[in-house]
Protein backbone atom coordinates (compact mmCIF):
# COMPACT_ATOMS: atom_id res chain seq x y z
CA MET A 1 -260.15 -6.71 21.42
CA SER A 2 -257.24 -4.33 20.87
CA THR A 3 -257.30 -1.25 18.65
CA LEU A 4 -255.05 -2.94 16.07
CA GLN A 5 -257.44 -5.90 15.90
CA LYS A 6 -260.42 -3.59 15.40
CA ILE A 7 -258.67 -1.67 12.62
CA CYS A 8 -257.58 -4.87 10.87
CA LEU A 9 -261.07 -6.32 11.16
CA ALA A 10 -262.66 -3.17 9.73
CA ILE A 11 -260.29 -3.08 6.75
CA THR A 12 -260.82 -6.78 6.11
CA ILE A 13 -264.61 -6.33 6.19
CA ILE A 14 -264.40 -3.42 3.73
CA GLY A 15 -262.28 -5.61 1.44
CA ALA A 16 -264.77 -8.45 1.73
CA ILE A 17 -267.65 -6.14 0.83
CA ASN A 18 -265.71 -4.97 -2.24
CA TRP A 19 -265.08 -8.58 -3.30
CA GLY A 20 -268.76 -9.33 -2.79
CA LEU A 21 -269.67 -6.44 -5.08
CA ILE A 22 -267.19 -7.71 -7.67
CA GLY A 23 -268.55 -11.25 -7.49
CA LEU A 24 -272.24 -10.41 -7.47
CA LEU A 25 -272.49 -7.25 -9.54
CA GLU A 26 -269.15 -7.07 -11.38
CA PHE A 27 -268.66 -3.66 -9.74
CA ASN A 28 -265.30 -2.77 -8.20
CA LEU A 29 -265.95 0.01 -5.70
CA VAL A 30 -262.26 0.78 -5.11
CA GLU A 31 -261.55 1.27 -8.81
CA ALA A 32 -264.79 3.23 -9.23
CA ILE A 33 -263.65 5.67 -6.54
CA PHE A 34 -259.93 5.92 -7.31
CA GLY A 35 -259.69 4.87 -10.98
CA THR A 36 -257.78 2.01 -12.55
CA THR A 37 -254.58 3.87 -13.39
CA SER A 38 -253.94 5.22 -9.90
CA ILE A 39 -251.52 3.58 -7.43
CA ILE A 40 -254.11 3.98 -4.65
CA PRO A 41 -256.11 0.81 -5.51
CA ARG A 42 -252.90 -1.26 -5.31
CA ILE A 43 -252.17 0.25 -1.90
CA ILE A 44 -255.69 -0.50 -0.70
CA TYR A 45 -255.54 -4.09 -1.99
CA SER A 46 -252.16 -4.53 -0.29
CA LEU A 47 -253.56 -3.22 3.00
CA VAL A 48 -256.54 -5.57 2.77
CA GLY A 49 -254.20 -8.51 2.14
CA LEU A 50 -251.92 -7.51 5.00
CA THR A 51 -254.80 -7.10 7.43
CA GLY A 52 -256.15 -10.48 6.34
CA LEU A 53 -252.82 -12.07 7.27
CA ILE A 54 -252.83 -10.23 10.60
CA ASN A 55 -256.36 -11.53 11.26
CA VAL A 56 -255.18 -15.09 10.55
CA GLY A 57 -252.39 -14.59 13.10
CA ILE A 58 -254.86 -13.23 15.65
CA LEU A 59 -257.15 -16.22 15.06
CA VAL A 60 -254.30 -18.72 15.47
CA MET A 61 -253.13 -17.03 18.69
CA ASP A 62 -256.69 -17.02 20.04
CA LEU A 63 -257.19 -20.70 19.21
CA SER A 64 -253.89 -21.68 20.86
CA GLU A 65 -254.90 -19.87 24.08
CA LYS A 66 -258.04 -22.00 24.48
């Protein structure tokens, strides 16, 4: 697994944990840390979405190799 894959996987897992907290406890960790009016949560959400798309691409490439 390459460094890019590991970074993308880690960011995606952090995003999934945040969504789990939102779904189960109605607690948004990102907004609790950075606030709701800051641009930082939007950047973090964008990074999570981007890394999710990269992970889909990695999965498709891995499936096509087998």
